[in-house]
Each structure stands twice: as structure tokens, then as C-alpha cells.
Amino acid sequence: MSGLDRFVDRLSPPRRVRRGAALALVFASVLVTGAATGSWSDEADEGRKTATPSVRPDAAAPLGGAAGDAADAAAEAMADGKSAEAAAEEAVSRSGDRWGSVYSHGEFQKFEQALDGAYTGVGLWARRAADGRIEVSRVSEGGPAALAGIRAGDRLRSVDGRRVAGRPVTEVVSLLRGDRAGTPVELGLERGTRAWSETLRRARLSTDSVRVAELSRGARVIKIDAFTKGSGEAVREAVREAPEGAGILLDLRGNSGGLVSEAVTAASALVDGGLVATYDVRGEEKALHAERGGDTGRPVVALVDGGTMSAAELLTGALQDRGRAVVVGTRTFGKGSVQMPSRLPDGSVAELTVGHYRTPSGRAVDGRGITPDLEAEDGAEARAETVLTGLGPPS
């Protein structure tokens, strides 16, 4: 598989080119509206017969345009005894690529680990409260934070003595995460009028990017926080295990993307082969196809919002265009571009936009987003459940 076929649809929102940007996963996004120490989003951070692009640090390939400029500038800088990373950052900044980033070797490794569905951290998700303070939004069951009694709603005041109020969630996540399990990290916490410090030992944890819950009449909610390694197969398993004829509520709110191959696998759970999306790389048109054998009978509703991005938009657009799901919620973010990592001489990585996605009907996503079939903001989940009930079982 060539470097051009191995990419990730970036998870993070537009950002200034700088070190540490890679930790915006979560995802989590990184990456979602709130961030985990190792999940994707602002909420989280911390094979197939089809084209299955993914990202790896060695996916770096010589690129033209801005990426080539960044690599050339880095090489020249190293020859002059300067920092290749700094030179690449300047070249990427000059390119005007709103998704362009430069990562140190270590940052890109952490980013890749999160895409692989695992990370080293304390197992808590964080978000910025309206007053600028950092609040714990969720804890990972069995993780160091949960075992220490930390719970959702607690305020995070400091990490290893550094105050975190007002900091970007992704920076807080980078402080919480580490390179090795067992390393200590001291958290300053607050709950109501109580303030205390807790020293935790980081652990190797799973991002648990797919969660399943039951609705009435056997209907199933499948919540996908990010498309990390294995998430597509987890969706297929959840669909297979749902009672016969039961509806599926696919919750993609706050999903800021991830591995495109996993989004294609998730689509394969609900369609019987066929086109999922097209994309261009340096003007060359390519296509992503689902595997055959998906469940095409049960009713499906996709729930989206402004935090639904990139690979999650690719999946949403495919299900909507093919008449496979009713889309409920608010317009999605509009991140439909393809980024490719390029290895620089000092081991750092420059990542530049090389192409754009289109839905099966040819709709461009980048800068436009996906418009829901039914607009709903307040009470969107309840509206989605009502729509799913109305679709009823297949005849």
C-alpha cells in the first residue's frame, strides 16, 4: 500500500501550526466537544475488498506543493544547523493550509497510539466550562482516575503544579498523558467547596470509542466517539447482535473523525456493498466501497451535530445519499479534506491537505457540512428516537 493510500481524515478543528497539535484527538477531537486523556476530541484527548486508507508514521511519502516546500525547508534548515521542525512549521504556515500541522516525532507517536485505540493516561475526559475552568466530563471505568474516586463534574485545577484554567483542552490532555505506564501525575481537584490533590499512576488504557445501549422494543443506540482501530468492526458486531428488525440509532455527535478505513467498515454494517465516498489525491480520483453483506432491512437514524467531522461526515453522507438512514440533528462541521503525513529529516512529521471527499451523489463536504433531513437542536436525541420509532420494523 503506497503512502498516498494511507491517510487519516484529521480529527481536530482548524488550529495554529504548533507543537502539541497532534494531541487534539479526540480526538478525541481530537478531538468531541470535551476531551479525554487519550480519547479523541476537544472532549477527548486526552480489509477488505475496499480501499482502506489509514495512517502510520512511516506513511510519509514525498509530496509536492506545500508539503514538498515544508520538507525542502526542513532539509535546508538542518544543513544550516537549524531546527527542521521550526522551518517546516514556517513553510506550512505560509501555505495557508488551515489543516496543516507539524508534529514532533513523539507527538506523532502518541497520535498514532490513540488512533490504534489505546493510550497512556489516567482515564478521564475533560471539557472547558463556560467560566474557562476545566471540568471532568467522564471517567473511564477501572482507570486510575475512577479508582481514585474522581467523577464527572469534578473541576481540574492543576496538573503537576501547572494551573489549567483557561488552557486549551488539548494542552491539558498533553499534560495528563505520558509515554510510559506507571509514571506519576499529580492532579489538583475541586468538588463543591472541597479542594484536594491526588497523585495517580498512568496506565495503558483503551479509548472505548464505541458504546452500545438499548432503547425500547429492542432498538439499539450505537455511540461512536471516534473512528479508532477496531471501531468499524465494533459497529458491525453491535448491528449483528441487535434483535431482528430492531432499529439502530447511530449517534455521531461530537465524533471528529479518525481512520477512514474504520468509517468504511462501519458503513459496511448497514449497506450491501457499493460506493461510500470518492476522494481526490493530487487530482487523481479514487473511490471507497463498502463490503457486501451488510444489514439493509432494519431502520436507521443517524444523529449528528456541529462536532460531527471528517470520517464521521463521510459515513453520514453515504447513509443519507443512499437512502439508508434518516439524518437528525444540526448541520455537521464541514471537514471533508484529506491530510497526508510526510516524514521530515529529523523525524518530525508535516501533515498537509492533499485532496477532498465527496459523498456518493457527488456532494462536497468541506466547508459545507451535511444538512440533516430533520433539523433538531434541543432534545435532538428524543426527536431521533421518535423518528426511529416511526420508521418501524421492516415489512
Protein backbone atom coordinates (compact mmCIF):
# COMPACT_ATOMS: atom_id res chain seq x y z
CA MET A 1 0.00 0.00 0.00
CA SER A 2 1.52 3.29 -1.03
CA GLY A 3 1.87 6.35 1.18
CA LEU A 4 -0.89 8.06 -0.79
CA ASP A 5 -3.32 5.31 0.18
CA ARG A 6 -2.52 5.52 3.87
CA PHE A 7 -4.09 8.57 5.40
CA VAL A 8 -6.29 9.69 8.23
CA ASP A 9 -9.13 12.17 7.97
CA ARG A 10 -7.98 14.66 10.59
CA LEU A 11 -9.87 14.86 13.83
CA SER A 12 -9.08 18.31 15.11
CA PRO A 13 -10.59 21.71 14.27
CA PRO A 14 -8.58 24.39 12.41
CA ARG A 15 -5.63 25.40 14.53
CA ARG A 16 -2.44 27.35 14.52
CA VAL A 17 0.53 25.27 13.41
CA ARG A 18 2.46 24.38 16.54
CA ARG A 19 3.85 21.54 18.59
CA GLY A 20 1.30 19.56 20.56
CA ALA A 21 -1.38 19.87 17.91
CA ALA A 22 -1.24 16.14 17.37
CA LEU A 23 -2.83 15.58 20.75
CA ALA A 24 -6.01 17.26 19.58
CA LEU A 25 -7.55 13.81 19.01
CA VAL A 26 -10.16 13.30 20.34
CA PHE A 27 -9.93 13.10 19.10
CA ALA A 28 -10.84 12.95 20.73
CA SER A 29 -11.07 15.59 18.99
CA VAL A 30 -9.36 15.03 18.83
CA LEU A 31 -10.78 15.68 19.06
CA VAL A 32 -15.55 15.96 20.53
CA THR A 33 -16.80 18.89 22.48
CA GLY A 34 -14.84 17.99 25.61
CA ALA A 35 -11.50 15.93 25.79
CA ALA A 36 -10.09 12.73 27.15
CA THR A 37 -6.61 11.94 28.21
CA GLY A 38 -6.29 9.66 25.33
CA SER A 39 -9.61 9.72 23.52
CA TRP A 40 -10.42 11.86 20.58
CA SER A 41 -11.86 15.34 20.54
CA ASP A 42 -11.92 18.51 22.46
CA GLU A 43 -13.84 16.28 24.65
CA ALA A 44 -11.46 13.52 24.47
CA ASP A 45 -7.81 13.86 24.44
CA GLU A 46 -6.86 13.09 26.49
CA GLY A 47 -9.61 -5.28 4.98
CA ARG A 48 -11.35 -5.71 2.92
CA LYS A 49 -12.22 -5.57 -0.75
CA THR A 50 -12.31 -1.82 -0.50
CA ALA A 51 -9.75 0.93 -0.36
CA THR A 52 -8.79 1.12 3.31
CA PRO A 53 -6.52 4.09 3.92
CA SER A 54 -5.03 4.55 7.37
CA VAL A 55 -2.17 6.46 8.91
CA ARG A 56 1.16 5.30 10.23
CA PRO A 57 4.29 7.33 10.93
CA ASP A 58 6.03 5.54 8.05
CA ALA A 59 3.23 6.63 5.74
CA ALA A 60 5.38 9.62 4.95
CA ALA A 61 5.85 9.96 1.23
CA PRO A 62 7.47 12.70 -0.86
CA LEU A 63 4.79 15.28 -1.55
CA GLY A 64 4.58 18.18 -3.94
CA GLY A 65 3.18 21.62 -3.21
CA ALA A 66 3.23 22.89 0.36
CA ALA A 67 4.26 19.52 1.75
CA GLY A 68 7.25 19.43 -0.55
CA ASP A 69 8.09 23.01 0.41
CA ALA A 70 7.95 22.05 4.09
CA ALA A 71 10.24 19.06 3.57
CA ASP A 72 12.69 21.10 1.47
CA ALA A 73 12.75 23.91 4.04
CA ALA A 74 13.36 21.39 6.80
CA ALA A 75 16.26 19.80 4.93
CA GLU A 76 17.85 23.19 4.25
CA ALA A 77 17.42 24.20 7.88
CA MET A 78 19.14 21.05 9.12
CA ALA A 79 22.02 21.66 6.73
CA ASP A 80 22.43 25.08 8.34
CA GLY A 81 22.25 23.59 11.83
CA LYS A 82 18.75 24.92 12.46
CA SER A 83 15.58 23.18 13.58
CA ALA A 84 13.86 21.25 10.78
CA GLU A 85 10.64 21.30 12.75
CA ALA A 86 10.62 25.09 13.09
CA ALA A 87 11.39 25.53 9.39
CA ALA A 88 8.59 23.14 8.45
CA GLU A 89 6.16 25.00 10.70
CA GLU A 90 7.01 28.24 8.94
CA ALA A 91 6.56 26.63 5.49
CA VAL A 92 3.24 25.06 6.48
CA SER A 93 2.04 28.35 7.93
CA ARG A 94 2.91 30.17 4.70
CA SER A 95 1.00 27.56 2.69
CA GLY A 96 -2.34 28.80 4.03
CA ASP A 97 -3.47 25.21 4.65
CA ARG A 98 -5.98 25.53 7.52
CA TRP A 99 -5.47 21.84 8.37
CA GLY A 100 -1.69 21.83 8.01
CA SER A 101 0.28 20.73 11.07
CA VAL A 102 3.78 19.84 12.15
CA TYR A 103 4.31 17.23 14.85
CA SER A 104 7.43 16.22 16.71
CA HIS A 105 8.35 12.54 16.48
CA GLY A 106 6.99 11.90 19.98
CA GLU A 107 3.75 13.78 19.37
CA PHE A 108 3.04 11.84 16.21
CA GLN A 109 3.71 8.57 18.01
CA LYS A 110 1.14 9.49 20.66
CA PHE A 111 -1.30 10.48 17.96
CA GLU A 112 -0.85 7.13 16.25
CA GLN A 113 -1.29 5.26 19.52
CA ALA A 114 -4.62 6.99 20.07
CA LEU A 115 -5.75 6.01 16.57
CA ASP A 116 -4.82 2.44 17.46
CA GLY A 117 -7.45 2.62 20.20
CA ALA A 118 -5.08 2.79 23.16
CA TYR A 119 -3.21 5.45 25.08
CA THR A 120 -1.22 6.00 28.25
CA GLY A 121 -3.05 8.24 30.69
CA VAL A 122 -5.30 8.39 33.73
CA GLY A 123 -8.66 7.66 32.11
CA LEU A 124 -10.60 10.88 32.30
CA TRP A 125 -12.36 13.04 29.75
CA ALA A 126 -12.33 16.80 30.22
CA ARG A 127 -14.12 19.81 28.81
CA ARG A 128 -13.91 23.55 29.23
CA ALA A 129 -16.74 25.01 31.32
CA ALA A 130 -18.37 28.35 30.47
CA ASP A 131 -16.17 30.10 33.04
CA GLY A 132 -12.99 28.80 31.40
CA ARG A 133 -12.25 26.22 34.05
CA ILE A 134 -11.58 22.58 33.14
CA GLU A 135 -14.23 20.08 34.20
CA VAL A 136 -14.16 16.27 34.20
CA SER A 137 -16.90 15.13 31.82
CA ARG A 138 -16.43 11.37 32.11
CA VAL A 139 -14.07 8.80 33.66
CA SER A 140 -13.01 5.50 32.19
CA GLU A 141 -14.30 2.58 34.25
CA GLY A 142 -11.46 0.81 36.01
CA GLY A 143 -8.91 3.50 35.11
CA PRO A 144 -6.65 5.31 37.57
CA ALA A 145 -8.99 8.32 37.84
CA ALA A 146 -12.03 6.14 38.57
CA LEU A 147 -10.14 4.05 41.13
CA ALA A 148 -9.11 7.27 42.91
CA GLY A 149 -12.75 8.32 43.23
CA ILE A 150 -12.64 11.12 40.65
CA ARG A 151 -16.01 11.56 38.97
CA ALA A 152 -17.79 13.56 36.31
CA GLY A 153 -18.39 17.16 37.40
CA ASP A 154 -15.16 17.49 39.38
CA ARG A 155 -13.05 20.51 38.47
CA LEU A 156 -9.42 20.04 37.43
CA ARG A 157 -7.36 22.91 38.90
CA SER A 158 -3.81 21.83 38.09
CA VAL A 159 -1.63 19.08 36.60
CA ASP A 160 1.79 18.61 38.22
CA GLY A 161 1.52 22.07 39.73
CA ARG A 162 0.56 23.82 36.48
CA ARG A 163 -2.75 25.65 36.60
CA VAL A 164 -5.05 24.58 33.77
CA ALA A 165 -7.88 27.15 33.89
CA GLY A 166 -8.10 28.92 30.55
CA ARG A 167 -5.79 26.48 28.77
CA PRO A 168 -6.97 24.68 25.60
CA VAL A 169 -8.32 21.24 26.45
CA THR A 170 -5.75 19.66 24.14
CA GLU A 171 -2.91 21.19 26.17
CA VAL A 172 -4.43 19.85 29.38
CA VAL A 173 -4.65 16.43 27.76
CA SER A 174 -1.00 16.54 26.77
CA LEU A 175 -0.12 17.16 30.43
CA LEU A 176 -2.23 14.22 31.59
CA ARG A 177 -0.90 11.73 29.11
CA GLY A 178 2.54 10.14 29.23
CA ASP A 179 4.95 7.89 27.37
CA ARG A 180 5.04 5.08 29.92
CA ALA A 181 2.57 3.34 32.17
CA GLY A 182 3.38 3.70 35.87
CA THR A 183 4.64 7.28 35.71
CA PRO A 184 3.07 9.59 38.33
CA VAL A 185 0.99 12.68 37.70
CA GLU A 186 -0.38 14.96 40.42
CA LEU A 187 -3.84 16.45 39.91
CA GLY A 188 -5.30 19.40 41.78
CA LEU A 189 -9.07 18.85 42.04
CA GLU A 190 -12.17 20.58 43.32
CA ARG A 191 -15.67 19.33 44.12
CA GLY A 192 -18.07 21.89 45.51
CA THR A 193 -16.25 23.52 48.44
CA ARG A 194 -13.70 20.72 48.75
CA ALA A 195 -10.25 21.08 47.17
CA TRP A 196 -7.65 18.32 47.22
CA SER A 197 -4.66 16.81 45.41
CA GLU A 198 -4.42 13.30 44.04
CA THR A 199 -1.33 11.54 42.69
CA LEU A 200 -2.22 8.95 40.05
CA ARG A 201 -0.12 6.43 38.15
CA ARG A 202 -0.68 6.47 34.41
CA ALA A 203 -1.85 3.22 32.82
CA ARG A 204 -2.23 1.76 29.36
CA LEU A 205 -5.92 2.19 28.56
CA SER A 206 -8.40 1.61 25.76
CA THR A 207 -10.25 4.54 24.22
CA ASP A 208 -13.54 2.56 24.08
CA SER A 209 -14.68 4.63 21.13
CA VAL A 210 -17.88 2.60 20.53
CA ARG A 211 -20.57 2.21 23.19
CA VAL A 212 -23.90 0.42 22.90
CA ALA A 213 -27.13 0.97 24.82
CA GLU A 214 -30.66 -0.39 24.48
CA LEU A 215 -33.82 1.56 23.70
CA SER A 216 -37.42 0.38 23.81
CA ARG A 217 -38.57 -2.53 21.64
CA GLY A 218 -35.02 -3.76 21.29
CA ALA A 219 -33.81 -0.73 19.35
CA ARG A 220 -30.13 -0.05 19.86
CA VAL A 221 -28.09 3.13 20.29
CA ILE A 222 -24.56 2.85 18.89
CA LYS A 223 -22.48 5.81 20.05
CA ILE A 224 -19.23 6.27 18.11
CA ASP A 225 -16.87 8.78 19.73
CA ALA A 226 -14.14 8.40 17.11
CA PHE A 227 -13.04 6.06 14.36
CA THR A 228 -10.07 4.40 16.03
CA LYS A 229 -8.69 0.99 15.16
CA GLY A 230 -11.39 -1.68 15.59
CA SER A 231 -14.33 0.73 15.89
CA GLY A 232 -15.78 -0.24 12.50
CA GLU A 233 -15.89 -3.91 13.42
CA ALA A 234 -17.41 -3.00 16.80
CA VAL A 235 -20.25 -1.26 14.94
CA ARG A 236 -20.79 -4.31 12.72
CA GLU A 237 -20.91 -6.57 15.77
CA ALA A 238 -23.43 -4.27 17.50
CA VAL A 239 -25.67 -4.34 14.43
CA ARG A 240 -25.40 -8.12 14.09
CA GLU A 241 -26.31 -8.64 17.75
CA ALA A 242 -29.36 -6.35 17.69
CA PRO A 243 -32.72 -8.19 17.77
CA GLU A 244 -34.12 -8.98 14.33
CA GLY A 245 -35.85 -5.95 12.84
CA ALA A 246 -34.82 -3.66 15.72
CA GLY A 247 -33.89 -0.12 14.75
CA ILE A 248 -30.42 1.42 15.03
CA LEU A 249 -29.76 4.93 16.34
CA LEU A 250 -26.25 5.77 15.18
CA ASP A 251 -25.03 8.60 17.42
CA LEU A 252 -22.23 10.51 15.68
CA ARG A 253 -22.47 13.72 17.70
CA GLY A 254 -19.07 15.08 18.62
CA ASN A 255 -17.31 12.46 16.50
CA SER A 256 -14.45 14.38 14.96
CA GLY A 257 -13.23 11.61 12.67
CA GLY A 258 -10.34 9.20 12.67
CA LEU A 259 -9.34 6.32 10.41
CA VAL A 260 -11.26 6.40 7.14
CA SER A 261 -10.99 2.62 6.81
CA GLU A 262 -12.97 2.23 10.05
CA ALA A 263 -15.73 4.54 8.79
CA VAL A 264 -15.98 2.43 5.64
CA THR A 265 -16.20 -0.74 7.75
CA ALA A 266 -18.98 0.86 9.82
CA ALA A 267 -20.87 1.68 6.61
CA SER A 268 -20.47 -1.96 5.58
CA ALA A 269 -22.62 -2.91 8.57
CA LEU A 270 -25.66 -1.14 7.08
CA VAL A 271 -25.31 -1.33 3.29
CA ASP A 272 -24.79 -4.22 0.89
CA GLY A 273 -21.63 -3.07 -0.84
CA GLY A 274 -21.50 -0.09 -3.12
CA LEU A 275 -19.99 3.38 -3.01
CA VAL A 276 -19.29 5.10 0.31
CA ALA A 277 -17.35 8.12 -0.93
CA THR A 278 -14.97 9.40 -3.56
CA TYR A 279 -11.86 11.45 -2.93
CA ASP A 280 -9.10 13.01 -4.96
CA VAL A 281 -5.40 12.99 -4.23
CA ARG A 282 -3.39 15.39 -6.36
CA GLY A 283 -6.16 15.38 -8.93
CA GLU A 284 -6.45 11.59 -9.15
CA GLU A 285 -9.97 10.35 -8.38
CA LYS A 286 -10.33 7.37 -6.04
CA ALA A 287 -13.32 5.59 -4.54
CA LEU A 288 -14.16 3.88 -1.25
CA HIS A 289 -16.57 0.95 -1.38
CA ALA A 290 -18.36 -0.95 1.37
CA GLU A 291 -18.18 -4.70 1.69
CA ARG A 292 -21.19 -6.71 0.68
CA GLY A 293 -23.42 -8.44 3.23
CA GLY A 294 -24.50 -5.53 5.44
CA ASP A 295 -27.94 -5.35 7.06
CA THR A 296 -30.17 -3.36 4.71
CA GLY A 297 -33.52 -4.10 6.37
CA ARG A 298 -33.60 -2.57 9.82
CA PRO A 299 -34.48 1.14 10.20
CA VAL A 300 -31.58 3.53 10.89
CA VAL A 301 -31.38 7.09 12.19
CA ALA A 302 -28.07 8.97 12.27
CA LEU A 303 -27.79 11.66 14.95
CA VAL A 304 -25.31 14.47 14.16
CA ASP A 305 -24.27 17.94 15.28
CA GLY A 306 -21.67 20.62 14.63
CA GLY A 307 -19.00 18.41 16.20
CA THR A 308 -19.55 15.65 13.63
CA MET A 309 -16.48 15.87 11.41
CA SER A 310 -14.40 14.29 8.66
CA ALA A 311 -14.74 10.48 8.61
CA ALA A 312 -18.00 10.76 10.59
CA GLU A 313 -19.34 13.11 7.90
CA LEU A 314 -18.21 10.65 5.24
CA LEU A 315 -20.32 7.93 6.89
CA THR A 316 -23.29 10.25 7.40
CA GLY A 317 -23.24 11.41 3.78
CA ALA A 318 -23.07 7.84 2.48
CA LEU A 319 -26.04 6.67 4.55
CA GLN A 320 -28.06 9.76 3.62
CA ASP A 321 -27.30 9.68 -0.11
CA ARG A 322 -28.11 6.00 -0.36
CA GLY A 323 -31.39 6.39 1.49
CA ARG A 324 -30.17 4.13 4.25
CA ALA A 325 -30.66 6.48 7.21
CA VAL A 326 -32.70 9.48 8.23
CA VAL A 327 -30.27 12.12 9.49
CA VAL A 328 -31.41 14.11 12.54
CA GLY A 329 -29.68 16.98 14.38
CA THR A 330 -27.81 20.07 13.24
CA ARG A 331 -25.51 20.73 10.28
CA THR A 332 -22.20 18.92 10.61
CA PHE A 333 -18.84 20.67 10.83
CA GLY A 334 -17.76 20.56 7.17
CA LYS A 335 -14.33 18.91 7.36
CA GLY A 336 -14.05 16.96 4.11
CA SER A 337 -10.37 17.15 3.27
CA VAL A 338 -7.64 14.51 3.18
CA GLN A 339 -4.34 15.01 5.01
CA MET A 340 -1.15 13.08 4.31
CA PRO A 341 1.79 12.89 6.71
CA SER A 342 5.30 13.46 5.37
CA ARG A 343 8.36 12.45 7.37
CA LEU A 344 10.95 15.20 7.82
CA PRO A 345 14.72 14.59 8.12
CA ASP A 346 14.77 14.96 11.91
CA GLY A 347 11.90 12.51 12.46
CA SER A 348 9.18 15.13 12.87
CA VAL A 349 6.13 14.97 10.60
CA ALA A 350 4.50 17.61 8.42
CA GLU A 351 0.88 16.96 7.53
CA LEU A 352 -0.73 18.77 4.62
CA THR A 353 -4.02 18.65 2.76
CA VAL A 354 -3.77 16.65 -0.49
CA GLY A 355 -7.41 16.15 -1.51
CA HIS A 356 -11.13 16.31 -0.68
CA TYR A 357 -14.03 13.91 -0.17
CA ARG A 358 -17.40 13.77 -1.90
CA THR A 359 -20.48 11.79 -0.95
CA PRO A 360 -21.83 9.08 -3.30
CA SER A 361 -24.03 11.65 -5.04
CA GLY A 362 -21.05 13.94 -5.58
CA ARG A 363 -21.72 16.45 -2.79
CA ALA A 364 -18.66 18.25 -1.45
CA VAL A 365 -18.42 18.23 2.35
CA ASP A 366 -15.51 20.54 3.06
CA GLY A 367 -16.70 23.94 4.24
CA ARG A 368 -20.35 22.92 3.78
CA GLY A 369 -21.09 20.02 6.07
CA ILE A 370 -24.06 17.65 5.87
CA THR A 371 -27.56 19.12 6.28
CA PRO A 372 -29.84 16.84 8.34
CA ASP A 373 -33.13 15.57 6.95
CA LEU A 374 -34.70 16.79 10.19
CA GLU A 375 -33.22 19.81 11.97
CA ALA A 376 -33.22 19.39 15.76
CA GLU A 377 -31.00 21.01 18.38
CA ASP A 378 -32.70 20.96 21.78
CA GLY A 379 -33.96 17.47 22.54
CA ALA A 380 -32.30 16.07 19.41
CA GLU A 381 -31.87 12.59 20.86
CA ALA A 382 -35.55 12.35 21.80
CA ARG A 383 -36.52 13.53 18.30
CA ALA A 384 -34.23 10.91 16.79
CA GLU A 385 -35.81 8.17 18.91
CA THR A 386 -39.27 9.32 17.81
CA VAL A 387 -38.25 9.20 14.17
CA LEU A 388 -36.76 5.73 14.64
CA THR A 389 -39.98 4.51 16.23
CA GLY A 390 -41.97 5.99 13.36
CA LEU A 391 -39.88 4.16 10.78
CA GLY A 392 -40.99 0.91 12.37
CA PRO A 393 -39.74 -2.58 11.61
CA PRO A 394 -39.23 -3.70 8.02
CA SER A 395 -42.28 -5.14 6.30
